[in-house]
N, C-alpha and C. Protein backbone atom coordinates (compact mmCIF):
# COMPACT_ATOMS: atom_id res chain seq x y z
N MET A 1 18.12 -4.88 3.72
CA MET A 1 17.70 -4.01 3.42
C MET A 1 16.05 -3.55 2.30
N ARG A 2 15.48 -4.00 2.69
CA ARG A 2 13.73 -3.69 2.29
C ARG A 2 13.30 -2.15 1.85
N LEU A 3 12.63 -2.24 0.89
CA LEU A 3 11.92 -1.24 0.64
C LEU A 3 10.77 -1.10 0.22
N ILE A 4 10.01 0.04 1.06
CA ILE A 4 8.47 -0.36 1.40
C ILE A 4 8.00 0.99 0.83
N VAL A 5 7.43 0.64 -0.21
CA VAL A 5 6.28 1.55 -0.96
C VAL A 5 5.09 1.93 -0.84
N GLY A 6 4.46 3.26 -0.44
CA GLY A 6 3.20 2.96 -0.54
C GLY A 6 2.48 4.40 -2.23
N LEU A 7 1.64 3.24 -2.48
CA LEU A 7 1.29 4.22 -3.80
C LEU A 7 0.17 5.28 -3.32
N GLY A 8 -0.01 6.18 -4.19
CA GLY A 8 -1.03 7.51 -4.09
C GLY A 8 -0.35 8.21 -4.66
N ASN A 9 -1.01 9.16 -5.51
CA ASN A 9 -1.12 10.96 -6.34
C ASN A 9 -0.57 11.87 -5.09
N PRO A 10 0.34 12.60 -5.03
CA PRO A 10 0.71 13.75 -5.01
C PRO A 10 0.13 14.89 -4.86
N GLY A 11 0.02 15.48 -3.85
CA GLY A 11 -1.42 16.90 -3.83
C GLY A 11 -2.15 17.06 -2.91
N PRO A 12 -2.65 18.08 -2.19
CA PRO A 12 -3.30 17.79 -1.24
C PRO A 12 -4.86 18.04 -1.47
N GLU A 13 -5.41 17.85 -2.61
CA GLU A 13 -6.61 17.50 -3.75
C GLU A 13 -6.75 15.91 -3.76
N TYR A 14 -5.88 14.90 -3.50
CA TYR A 14 -5.86 13.77 -3.28
C TYR A 14 -6.21 13.10 -2.34
N GLU A 15 -5.24 13.62 -1.42
CA GLU A 15 -5.04 13.75 0.17
C GLU A 15 -5.51 12.41 1.08
N TRP A 16 -7.48 12.92 0.28
CA TRP A 16 -8.82 11.79 1.44
C TRP A 16 -9.07 11.46 0.18
N THR A 17 -8.80 10.85 -0.58
CA THR A 17 -9.35 9.61 -1.93
C THR A 17 -9.08 8.02 -1.23
N PRO A 18 -9.86 7.52 -2.08
CA PRO A 18 -9.36 5.94 -1.82
C PRO A 18 -8.67 5.64 -2.33
N HIS A 19 -7.75 6.34 -3.43
CA HIS A 19 -6.52 6.45 -3.82
C HIS A 19 -5.29 6.00 -3.59
N ASN A 20 -4.97 7.02 -2.25
CA ASN A 20 -4.31 6.99 -1.72
C ASN A 20 -4.25 6.93 -0.16
N LEU A 21 -5.20 5.68 -0.12
CA LEU A 21 -4.59 4.57 0.87
C LEU A 21 -3.40 4.44 1.11
N GLY A 22 -2.28 3.93 0.24
CA GLY A 22 -0.97 3.54 0.32
C GLY A 22 -0.27 4.58 0.66
N PHE A 23 -0.43 5.99 0.40
CA PHE A 23 0.33 6.96 1.42
C PHE A 23 0.11 7.05 2.85
N ARG A 24 -1.16 6.79 3.15
CA ARG A 24 -1.73 6.65 4.40
C ARG A 24 -1.02 5.78 5.42
N ALA A 25 -1.67 4.77 4.88
CA ALA A 25 -0.14 3.34 5.58
C ALA A 25 1.11 3.38 5.29
N LEU A 26 2.02 4.46 4.43
CA LEU A 26 3.07 4.55 4.38
C LEU A 26 3.24 5.59 5.62
N ASP A 27 2.58 6.34 5.63
CA ASP A 27 2.80 7.51 6.67
C ASP A 27 2.56 6.57 7.98
N ALA A 28 1.85 6.06 8.43
CA ALA A 28 1.84 5.33 9.91
C ALA A 28 2.72 4.69 10.06
N LEU A 29 3.24 3.78 8.73
CA LEU A 29 4.62 3.16 9.12
C LEU A 29 5.79 3.69 9.50
N ALA A 30 5.91 5.08 9.10
CA ALA A 30 6.94 6.22 9.15
C ALA A 30 6.36 6.77 10.72
N GLU A 31 5.13 6.81 11.08
CA GLU A 31 5.10 7.24 12.32
C GLU A 31 5.66 6.09 13.45
N ARG A 32 5.10 4.89 13.01
CA ARG A 32 5.60 3.95 14.27
C ARG A 32 6.87 3.63 14.32
N ALA A 33 7.97 4.01 12.97
CA ALA A 33 9.55 3.47 13.05
C ALA A 33 10.21 4.56 13.14
N SER A 34 9.28 6.02 13.38
CA SER A 34 10.07 7.45 13.45
C SER A 34 11.11 7.37 12.19
N ILE A 35 10.76 7.58 11.15
CA ILE A 35 10.92 7.94 10.23
C ILE A 35 10.38 9.08 9.50
N ARG A 36 11.51 9.93 8.47
CA ARG A 36 10.71 10.88 8.05
C ARG A 36 10.47 10.92 6.51
N VAL A 37 9.42 10.47 6.12
CA VAL A 37 9.75 10.66 4.56
C VAL A 37 9.47 11.88 3.71
N THR A 38 10.82 12.53 3.92
CA THR A 38 10.77 13.81 3.53
C THR A 38 11.93 14.24 2.07
N ARG A 39 12.88 13.26 2.29
CA ARG A 39 14.34 13.40 1.31
C ARG A 39 13.38 12.95 0.11
N PRO A 40 13.62 14.13 -0.69
CA PRO A 40 13.40 13.74 -2.49
C PRO A 40 14.40 12.75 -3.50
N GLU A 41 14.19 11.84 -3.40
CA GLU A 41 15.29 11.08 -4.20
C GLU A 41 14.33 10.32 -4.98
N ALA A 42 14.78 9.72 -6.74
CA ALA A 42 14.43 8.84 -8.09
C ALA A 42 12.49 9.46 -7.50
N GLN A 43 11.95 10.74 -8.11
CA GLN A 43 10.86 10.73 -8.10
C GLN A 43 9.99 10.84 -6.95
N SER A 44 10.31 10.54 -5.60
CA SER A 44 9.81 10.15 -4.10
C SER A 44 9.91 10.92 -3.23
N TYR A 45 9.44 11.10 -2.14
CA TYR A 45 10.22 11.20 -0.77
C TYR A 45 10.30 10.18 -0.18
N VAL A 46 11.18 10.33 0.92
CA VAL A 46 12.13 8.61 0.65
C VAL A 46 12.50 9.12 2.34
N GLY A 47 12.55 7.95 3.21
CA GLY A 47 13.54 8.52 4.24
C GLY A 47 14.15 6.49 5.02
N ARG A 48 14.90 6.63 5.92
CA ARG A 48 15.68 5.25 5.66
C ARG A 48 15.85 5.40 7.28
N GLY A 49 15.43 4.04 8.31
CA GLY A 49 15.32 3.79 9.57
C GLY A 49 15.11 2.52 9.58
N LYS A 50 14.82 2.07 10.40
CA LYS A 50 14.75 0.78 10.81
C LYS A 50 13.49 0.89 11.97
N LEU A 51 13.10 -0.52 11.43
CA LEU A 51 11.29 -1.47 11.17
C LEU A 51 12.01 -2.68 11.36
N ALA A 52 11.04 -2.61 12.90
CA ALA A 52 10.89 -4.50 13.20
C ALA A 52 12.31 -5.02 13.62
N GLY A 53 13.37 -3.98 13.58
CA GLY A 53 14.76 -4.73 13.51
C GLY A 53 15.61 -4.91 12.50
N ASN A 54 14.72 -4.16 11.01
CA ASN A 54 15.28 -4.67 9.53
C ASN A 54 15.80 -3.12 8.88
N ASP A 55 16.14 -3.04 8.25
CA ASP A 55 16.39 -1.56 7.57
C ASP A 55 15.96 -1.95 6.45
N VAL A 56 15.22 0.10 6.78
CA VAL A 56 14.23 -0.35 5.40
C VAL A 56 14.60 1.12 4.68
N VAL A 57 14.09 1.21 4.00
CA VAL A 57 13.57 2.70 3.31
C VAL A 57 12.54 2.51 2.86
N LEU A 58 11.24 3.94 3.25
CA LEU A 58 9.99 4.38 2.95
C LEU A 58 10.23 5.06 2.03
N ALA A 59 9.06 4.94 0.78
CA ALA A 59 8.96 5.56 -0.27
C ALA A 59 7.31 5.81 -0.82
N LYS A 60 7.35 6.71 -0.99
CA LYS A 60 5.72 7.70 -1.62
C LYS A 60 6.62 8.32 -3.04
N PRO A 61 6.37 7.46 -4.05
CA PRO A 61 6.77 8.07 -5.40
C PRO A 61 5.69 9.35 -5.69
N GLN A 62 6.62 10.13 -6.65
CA GLN A 62 5.56 11.45 -6.91
C GLN A 62 5.37 11.95 -7.94
N THR A 63 5.49 10.51 -8.95
CA THR A 63 5.17 10.88 -10.30
C THR A 63 3.78 10.71 -10.87
N MET A 64 2.32 10.49 -9.64
CA MET A 64 1.02 10.20 -10.15
C MET A 64 1.11 8.72 -10.45
N MET A 65 -0.08 8.71 -9.59
CA MET A 65 -0.22 6.78 -9.61
C MET A 65 -0.08 5.93 -10.33
N ASN A 66 0.31 6.64 -11.97
CA ASN A 66 -0.08 5.51 -13.41
C ASN A 66 1.46 5.63 -13.76
N LEU A 67 2.25 6.53 -13.37
CA LEU A 67 3.65 6.20 -13.33
C LEU A 67 4.37 6.05 -12.14
N SER A 68 3.80 5.10 -11.62
CA SER A 68 4.51 4.45 -10.15
C SER A 68 5.95 3.87 -10.28
N GLY A 69 5.66 2.79 -11.58
CA GLY A 69 6.82 2.00 -11.79
C GLY A 69 8.50 2.37 -12.02
N ARG A 70 8.53 3.79 -12.77
CA ARG A 70 9.25 4.61 -12.78
C ARG A 70 9.96 5.02 -11.64
N ALA A 71 9.57 5.20 -10.78
CA ALA A 71 9.96 5.80 -9.05
C ALA A 71 10.88 4.89 -8.93
N VAL A 72 10.02 3.20 -8.52
CA VAL A 72 10.34 2.67 -7.41
C VAL A 72 11.22 1.65 -8.34
N ARG A 73 11.39 2.04 -9.81
CA ARG A 73 12.42 0.51 -10.50
C ARG A 73 13.89 1.74 -10.08
N ALA A 74 13.62 3.05 -10.09
CA ALA A 74 15.17 3.68 -9.97
C ALA A 74 15.36 3.74 -8.36
N LEU A 75 14.42 3.63 -7.44
CA LEU A 75 14.87 3.00 -6.33
C LEU A 75 15.32 2.14 -5.66
N LEU A 76 14.88 0.69 -5.86
CA LEU A 76 15.33 -0.70 -6.33
C LEU A 76 17.04 -0.55 -7.27
N GLU A 77 17.16 0.57 -8.29
CA GLU A 77 18.71 0.24 -8.20
C GLU A 77 19.28 1.19 -7.58
N LYS A 78 19.00 2.21 -6.71
CA LYS A 78 19.70 3.23 -6.02
C LYS A 78 20.17 2.54 -4.72
N TYR A 79 18.68 1.35 -4.04
CA TYR A 79 19.57 0.91 -2.84
C TYR A 79 19.59 -0.81 -2.84
N GLU A 80 20.05 -1.12 -4.62
CA GLU A 80 20.85 -2.52 -4.90
C GLU A 80 19.60 -3.36 -4.26
N CYS A 81 18.43 -3.18 -4.37
CA CYS A 81 17.53 -4.07 -3.79
C CYS A 81 16.55 -5.06 -5.20
N ALA A 82 16.56 -5.88 -5.09
CA ALA A 82 15.45 -7.03 -5.22
C ALA A 82 14.34 -7.03 -5.92
N ALA A 83 13.50 -7.01 -7.10
CA ALA A 83 11.97 -6.64 -6.52
C ALA A 83 11.66 -7.61 -5.48
N PRO A 84 11.89 -8.76 -5.14
CA PRO A 84 11.32 -9.90 -4.10
C PRO A 84 11.92 -8.81 -2.70
N GLU A 85 12.53 -7.83 -2.19
CA GLU A 85 12.80 -7.30 -1.14
C GLU A 85 11.34 -5.60 -1.28
N LEU A 86 10.73 -5.90 -2.51
CA LEU A 86 10.09 -4.91 -2.17
C LEU A 86 8.75 -5.09 -1.58
N ILE A 87 8.16 -4.26 -0.57
CA ILE A 87 7.01 -4.50 -0.48
C ILE A 87 6.17 -2.76 -0.93
N VAL A 88 4.77 -3.16 -1.39
CA VAL A 88 3.91 -2.24 -2.08
C VAL A 88 2.72 -2.25 -0.93
N LEU A 89 2.44 -1.43 -0.65
CA LEU A 89 1.01 -0.91 0.01
C LEU A 89 0.13 -0.10 -0.62
N TYR A 90 -1.23 -0.49 -1.37
CA TYR A 90 -1.72 -0.02 -2.33
C TYR A 90 -3.43 0.16 -1.88
N ASP A 91 -4.50 0.31 -2.65
CA ASP A 91 -5.56 0.48 -2.70
C ASP A 91 -6.51 -0.51 -3.48
N GLU A 92 -6.91 -1.42 -3.00
CA GLU A 92 -8.18 -2.27 -3.51
C GLU A 92 -9.10 -1.97 -4.01
N VAL A 93 -9.85 -1.78 -4.84
CA VAL A 93 -11.23 -1.78 -5.28
C VAL A 93 -12.46 -3.08 -5.42
N ALA A 94 -11.29 -4.33 -5.63
CA ALA A 94 -11.84 -5.92 -5.51
C ALA A 94 -12.12 -5.99 -4.31
N LEU A 95 -11.91 -5.52 -3.01
CA LEU A 95 -12.56 -5.90 -1.99
C LEU A 95 -12.81 -4.32 -0.59
N PRO A 96 -13.51 -5.40 0.00
CA PRO A 96 -14.30 -3.91 0.38
C PRO A 96 -13.50 -3.50 1.53
N TRP A 97 -14.02 -2.54 2.03
CA TRP A 97 -13.39 -1.51 2.99
C TRP A 97 -13.22 -1.97 4.26
N GLY A 98 -12.19 -2.20 5.03
CA GLY A 98 -11.25 -2.94 5.63
C GLY A 98 -10.91 -3.73 5.68
N MET A 99 -10.68 -4.24 4.57
CA MET A 99 -10.10 -5.68 4.58
C MET A 99 -8.69 -5.52 3.47
N LEU A 100 -7.81 -6.28 4.47
CA LEU A 100 -6.49 -6.35 3.70
C LEU A 100 -5.83 -7.70 3.50
N ARG A 101 -5.53 -7.65 2.54
CA ARG A 101 -4.83 -8.64 2.00
C ARG A 101 -3.47 -9.07 1.73
N ILE A 102 -2.92 -9.85 1.71
CA ILE A 102 -1.54 -9.73 1.40
C ILE A 102 -1.71 -11.17 0.49
N ARG A 103 -0.18 -10.21 -0.50
CA ARG A 103 -0.06 -11.07 -1.63
C ARG A 103 1.29 -11.38 -1.66
N GLU A 104 1.87 -12.31 -2.49
CA GLU A 104 3.60 -12.73 -3.02
C GLU A 104 3.59 -12.54 -4.32
N ARG A 105 2.80 -12.05 -5.17
CA ARG A 105 2.66 -11.96 -6.63
C ARG A 105 1.32 -11.95 -7.43
N GLY A 106 1.04 -11.89 -8.52
CA GLY A 106 0.05 -11.76 -9.46
C GLY A 106 -0.45 -10.74 -10.54
N SER A 107 -1.36 -10.18 -10.78
CA SER A 107 -1.27 -9.44 -11.92
C SER A 107 -1.88 -7.85 -11.33
N ALA A 108 -1.71 -7.05 -12.29
CA ALA A 108 -2.60 -5.63 -11.65
C ALA A 108 -3.84 -5.31 -11.27
N GLY A 109 -4.91 -6.73 -11.87
CA GLY A 109 -6.56 -6.54 -11.51
C GLY A 109 -6.87 -4.91 -11.97
N GLY A 110 -6.41 -4.43 -12.82
CA GLY A 110 -7.02 -3.12 -13.27
C GLY A 110 -6.76 -1.83 -12.49
N HIS A 111 -5.63 -2.21 -12.02
CA HIS A 111 -5.31 -0.81 -11.20
C HIS A 111 -3.52 -0.39 -11.86
N ASN A 112 -3.95 0.97 -12.02
CA ASN A 112 -2.91 1.60 -12.96
C ASN A 112 -2.03 1.52 -12.27
N GLY A 113 -1.67 1.70 -10.99
CA GLY A 113 0.01 1.64 -9.94
C GLY A 113 0.13 0.74 -10.40
N LEU A 114 -0.22 -0.46 -9.87
CA LEU A 114 0.23 -1.54 -10.41
C LEU A 114 0.65 -2.08 -11.36
N LYS A 115 -0.54 -1.91 -12.03
CA LYS A 115 -0.14 -1.92 -13.77
C LYS A 115 1.60 -1.39 -14.30
N SER A 116 1.95 0.06 -13.75
CA SER A 116 2.92 0.63 -13.23
C SER A 116 3.85 -0.36 -13.60
N LEU A 117 3.88 -0.54 -12.41
CA LEU A 117 4.97 -1.18 -11.40
C LEU A 117 5.47 -2.75 -11.58
N ILE A 118 4.38 -3.45 -12.09
CA ILE A 118 4.62 -4.84 -13.48
C ILE A 118 5.63 -4.32 -14.31
N GLY A 119 4.80 -3.56 -14.96
CA GLY A 119 5.23 -3.00 -16.21
C GLY A 119 7.68 -2.67 -16.05
N ALA A 120 7.52 -1.88 -14.79
CA ALA A 120 8.92 -1.76 -14.65
C ALA A 120 9.59 -2.22 -14.13
N VAL A 121 8.85 -3.48 -13.21
CA VAL A 121 9.97 -3.81 -12.23
C VAL A 121 10.25 -6.16 -12.50
N GLY A 122 8.40 -6.21 -12.94
CA GLY A 122 8.33 -7.48 -12.88
C GLY A 122 6.74 -7.73 -11.96
N SER A 123 6.22 -8.84 -12.13
CA SER A 123 5.32 -9.01 -10.58
C SER A 123 5.97 -9.70 -9.33
N GLU A 124 7.15 -9.91 -9.33
CA GLU A 124 7.51 -10.72 -8.01
C GLU A 124 7.72 -10.16 -7.01
N PHE A 125 7.11 -9.24 -6.19
CA PHE A 125 7.06 -8.63 -5.25
C PHE A 125 5.81 -8.47 -3.78
N LEU A 126 6.28 -8.49 -2.93
CA LEU A 126 5.31 -8.45 -1.89
C LEU A 126 3.91 -7.07 -1.95
N ARG A 127 2.75 -7.55 -1.65
CA ARG A 127 1.71 -6.43 -1.83
C ARG A 127 0.65 -6.46 -0.74
N VAL A 128 0.28 -5.40 -0.17
CA VAL A 128 -0.71 -5.09 0.84
C VAL A 128 -1.81 -4.85 0.50
N ARG A 129 -2.64 -5.18 0.22
CA ARG A 129 -3.84 -4.47 -0.91
C ARG A 129 -4.92 -4.36 0.62
N LEU A 130 -5.52 -3.22 0.39
CA LEU A 130 -6.28 -2.04 1.33
C LEU A 130 -7.61 -2.42 0.90
N GLY A 131 -8.57 -2.42 1.42
CA GLY A 131 -10.23 -2.87 0.37
C GLY A 131 -10.34 -1.49 0.83
N VAL A 132 -10.98 -0.98 -0.22
CA VAL A 132 -11.64 0.18 -0.63
C VAL A 132 -13.25 0.08 -1.21
N GLY A 133 -13.25 -1.56 -1.98
CA GLY A 133 -14.45 -1.13 -2.78
C GLY A 133 -15.92 -1.00 -2.67
N PRO A 134 -16.45 -0.05 -3.30
CA PRO A 134 -17.69 0.45 -2.78
C PRO A 134 -18.96 -0.51 -2.17
N ASP A 135 -19.64 -0.22 -1.27
CA ASP A 135 -20.76 -0.83 -1.27
C ASP A 135 -22.15 -0.91 -1.91
N HIS A 136 -22.20 0.02 -2.90
CA HIS A 136 -22.89 0.44 -4.29
C HIS A 136 -22.83 -0.08 -5.48
N PRO A 137 -23.18 -0.22 -6.47
CA PRO A 137 -23.01 0.11 -7.77
C PRO A 137 -22.64 1.26 -8.08
N ILE A 138 -21.47 1.08 -8.88
CA ILE A 138 -21.26 3.33 -8.73
C ILE A 138 -20.89 3.26 -10.94
N GLY A 139 -20.99 4.19 -11.14
CA GLY A 139 -20.77 4.37 -12.89
C GLY A 139 -19.68 4.58 -13.59
N ASP A 140 -18.43 5.03 -12.80
CA ASP A 140 -16.74 5.59 -13.17
C ASP A 140 -15.95 5.34 -11.78
N LEU A 141 -15.50 4.11 -12.03
CA LEU A 141 -14.38 3.53 -10.92
C LEU A 141 -13.34 4.86 -11.26
N ALA A 142 -12.72 5.56 -11.37
CA ALA A 142 -11.76 6.58 -11.89
C ALA A 142 -12.63 7.77 -11.26
N ASP A 143 -13.44 7.97 -10.78
CA ASP A 143 -14.40 9.24 -10.51
C ASP A 143 -14.26 8.36 -8.81
N TYR A 144 -14.50 7.22 -8.69
CA TYR A 144 -14.79 6.90 -7.67
C TYR A 144 -13.36 7.33 -6.58
N VAL A 145 -12.44 6.13 -6.92
CA VAL A 145 -10.79 6.19 -6.54
C VAL A 145 -10.65 7.84 -6.16
N LEU A 146 -10.91 8.39 -6.78
CA LEU A 146 -10.26 10.04 -6.34
C LEU A 146 -11.25 10.67 -6.29
N GLY A 147 -12.58 10.45 -5.93
CA GLY A 147 -13.57 11.27 -5.35
C GLY A 147 -12.69 11.12 -3.41
N PRO A 148 -13.56 12.24 -2.95
CA PRO A 148 -13.45 11.54 -1.12
C PRO A 148 -13.76 11.34 -0.55
N MET A 149 -13.52 11.02 0.38
CA MET A 149 -14.05 8.99 0.98
C MET A 149 -15.24 9.64 1.86
N SER A 150 -15.94 9.18 2.73
CA SER A 150 -17.00 9.90 3.56
C SER A 150 -16.04 9.64 4.71
N LYS A 151 -16.99 10.30 5.86
CA LYS A 151 -16.32 10.48 7.23
C LYS A 151 -16.57 8.93 7.87
N ALA A 152 -17.12 8.53 7.84
CA ALA A 152 -17.23 6.75 7.80
C ALA A 152 -15.78 5.79 7.11
N ASN A 153 -15.65 6.22 6.32
CA ASN A 153 -14.81 5.75 5.31
C ASN A 153 -13.72 5.67 5.66
N ARG A 154 -13.23 6.83 6.23
CA ARG A 154 -11.58 7.65 6.32
C ARG A 154 -11.40 7.21 8.11
N GLU A 155 -12.82 6.92 8.89
CA GLU A 155 -12.46 6.09 9.91
C GLU A 155 -11.51 4.45 9.45
N ILE A 156 -12.05 4.10 8.73
CA ILE A 156 -12.35 3.22 8.69
C ILE A 156 -10.36 3.10 8.16
N ALA A 157 -9.94 3.82 6.81
CA ALA A 157 -9.22 4.24 6.51
C ALA A 157 -8.39 4.44 7.25
N ALA A 158 -8.52 5.00 8.77
CA ALA A 158 -7.17 4.71 9.68
C ALA A 158 -6.73 3.60 10.51
N GLN A 159 -7.81 2.84 10.65
CA GLN A 159 -7.64 1.41 11.09
C GLN A 159 -7.03 0.81 10.17
N MET A 160 -7.42 0.21 8.62
CA MET A 160 -6.76 -0.51 7.58
C MET A 160 -5.33 0.24 7.46
N ALA A 161 -4.96 1.57 7.94
CA ALA A 161 -3.32 1.65 7.66
C ALA A 161 -2.54 0.99 8.86
N LEU A 162 -3.23 0.90 10.31
CA LEU A 162 -2.79 0.51 11.41
C LEU A 162 -2.32 -0.79 11.11
N ASP A 163 -3.28 -1.64 10.75
CA ASP A 163 -3.81 -2.80 10.33
C ASP A 163 -2.65 -2.75 9.07
N ALA A 164 -1.90 -2.46 8.44
CA ALA A 164 -0.89 -2.49 7.64
C ALA A 164 0.32 -2.04 8.06
N VAL A 165 0.77 -1.27 8.92
CA VAL A 165 1.36 -1.01 9.75
C VAL A 165 2.13 -2.39 10.71
N ASP A 166 0.92 -3.38 10.93
CA ASP A 166 1.33 -4.66 11.64
C ASP A 166 1.17 -5.66 10.94
N ALA A 167 0.64 -5.61 9.38
CA ALA A 167 1.24 -6.68 8.03
C ALA A 167 2.84 -6.72 7.98
N VAL A 168 2.97 -5.50 8.13
CA VAL A 168 4.47 -5.53 7.63
C VAL A 168 5.67 -5.61 8.68
N GLU A 169 5.40 -5.68 9.44
CA GLU A 169 5.92 -6.04 10.79
C GLU A 169 6.48 -7.16 10.58
N LEU A 170 5.09 -8.31 10.73
CA LEU A 170 4.94 -9.55 10.54
C LEU A 170 5.73 -10.15 9.13
N ILE A 171 5.02 -9.20 8.44
CA ILE A 171 6.18 -9.76 7.37
C ILE A 171 7.88 -9.43 7.42
N LEU A 172 7.87 -8.23 7.81
CA LEU A 172 9.32 -8.25 8.55
C LEU A 172 10.10 -9.80 9.28
N THR A 173 9.26 -9.88 10.27
CA THR A 173 9.58 -10.27 11.67
C THR A 173 9.21 -12.07 11.40
N ASP A 174 8.78 -12.79 10.82
CA ASP A 174 8.04 -13.60 10.74
C ASP A 174 8.09 -14.73 9.10
N GLY A 175 7.84 -13.18 8.16
CA GLY A 175 7.68 -13.66 6.80
C GLY A 175 6.81 -13.37 6.58
N PRO A 176 6.50 -13.76 4.67
CA PRO A 176 5.06 -13.56 4.48
C PRO A 176 3.75 -14.38 4.60
N GLU A 177 4.48 -15.85 4.80
CA GLU A 177 3.25 -16.65 5.30
C GLU A 177 2.43 -16.39 6.88
N LYS A 178 2.97 -16.41 7.43
CA LYS A 178 2.74 -16.42 8.79
C LYS A 178 1.55 -14.69 8.38
N ALA A 179 2.47 -13.61 8.11
CA ALA A 179 1.74 -12.94 7.57
C ALA A 179 -0.16 -12.96 6.99
N MET A 180 -0.17 -13.38 5.73
CA MET A 180 -0.69 -14.28 5.66
C MET A 180 -2.00 -14.81 6.31
N ALA A 181 -1.39 -15.73 6.84
CA ALA A 181 -2.28 -16.73 7.86
C ALA A 181 -3.05 -15.58 8.69
N ARG A 182 -2.26 -14.85 9.47
CA ARG A 182 -3.43 -13.47 10.00
C ARG A 182 -3.78 -12.83 9.58
N PHE A 183 -3.49 -12.23 8.41
CA PHE A 183 -4.06 -10.93 8.13
C PHE A 183 -5.11 -11.28 6.52
N ASN A 184 -5.14 -12.49 6.06
CA ASN A 184 -5.76 -12.87 4.76
C ASN A 184 -7.04 -13.42 4.89
N ARG A 185 -7.92 -12.27 6.28
CA ARG A 185 -8.54 -13.27 6.46
C ARG A 185 -10.34 -12.99 5.15
N ARG A 186 -11.15 -13.88 5.55
CA ARG A 186 -12.05 -14.37 4.29
C ARG A 186 -13.60 -13.15 4.21
N ASN A 187 -13.62 -12.62 5.72
CA ASN A 187 -14.56 -11.97 5.54
C ASN A 187 -14.34 -10.35 6.02
N SER A 188 -14.87 -9.45 6.18
CA SER A 188 -14.01 -8.18 6.02
C SER A 188 -14.94 -8.02 7.43
N PRO A 189 -13.68 -7.04 8.35
CA PRO A 189 -13.68 -6.68 9.82
C PRO A 189 -15.28 -6.40 10.49
N ALA A 190 -16.15 -5.84 9.66
CA ALA A 190 -17.30 -4.89 9.59
C ALA A 190 -18.68 -6.67 9.86
N GLU A 191 -18.42 -7.85 9.15
CA GLU A 191 -19.27 -8.27 9.68
C GLU A 191 -19.26 -9.69 10.86
N THR A 192 -20.48 -9.96 11.70
CA THR A 192 -20.05 -10.50 12.50
C THR A 192 -19.44 -11.94 12.31
N ASP A 193 -19.85 -12.67 13.63
CA ASP A 193 -19.26 -13.77 13.64
C ASP A 193 -20.06 -14.81 13.15
N GLU A 194 -21.40 -14.15 13.31
CA GLU A 194 -22.68 -15.14 12.70
C GLU A 194 -22.42 -15.05 11.08
N ASP A 195 -21.84 -14.22 10.38
CA ASP A 195 -21.71 -14.11 8.81
C ASP A 195 -20.86 -15.23 8.75
N GLU A 196 -19.96 -15.93 9.45
CA GLU A 196 -18.58 -16.70 9.02
C GLU A 196 -19.48 -18.37 8.72
C-alpha cells in the first residue's frame, strides 16, 4: 500500500492559487486511476484504488496547509504505512513554473506544509515538487502563493499536474531513481534547446 498525498488549502478561495498545486496534481492522479477522493477520514478526503498496478490511498488533507502533518500522520497510522511509503505532491517556489523535481528526502525549504509534515512523520518520504517560482521579485511570498494564478500559469499548472501523474506512475512501476532520471531536468520546459 502506498499513501499519496497532495498538499493544499481547502475551500474555493484557494482553488486556483499556486499553493494548491498539490491538490490539482492529486486530482489528476485520481482521474487517471478512476478513484473518487471524497471519503472523509483522518481530517482528509480519501480514496482507495489501484494505480500502475499498486494499491494506493490518495488523500487531500483538509487541515489547512500549515497543519498537514497531523492529517498525514493519522493516515499513515490508519493504513499501517511507514513514512518511506509516502509520496507527497506540493508546490515549490524555489523552482520555476513548469519544472518538476523528485526528491527522496530533505528539509522543508521554507514550505510550511512540508515543515508540518516533517515535524509529524520525519523527513524520509518521497516528494514530487511542482515549480511555482515567480519570474519577478515579490514582496510577500505568502501573498504570492495564496494569490490567484494568471491564465498562462493555469495552463502550465494543468500540464504540471499531468507530468506529476506520469512521475508518480513511474515511481510506482520502476522506482524513484528512474523517475528522477526522467523528470529532474536542469532547465524548465519553457527553455529551448539552445539554452542547454
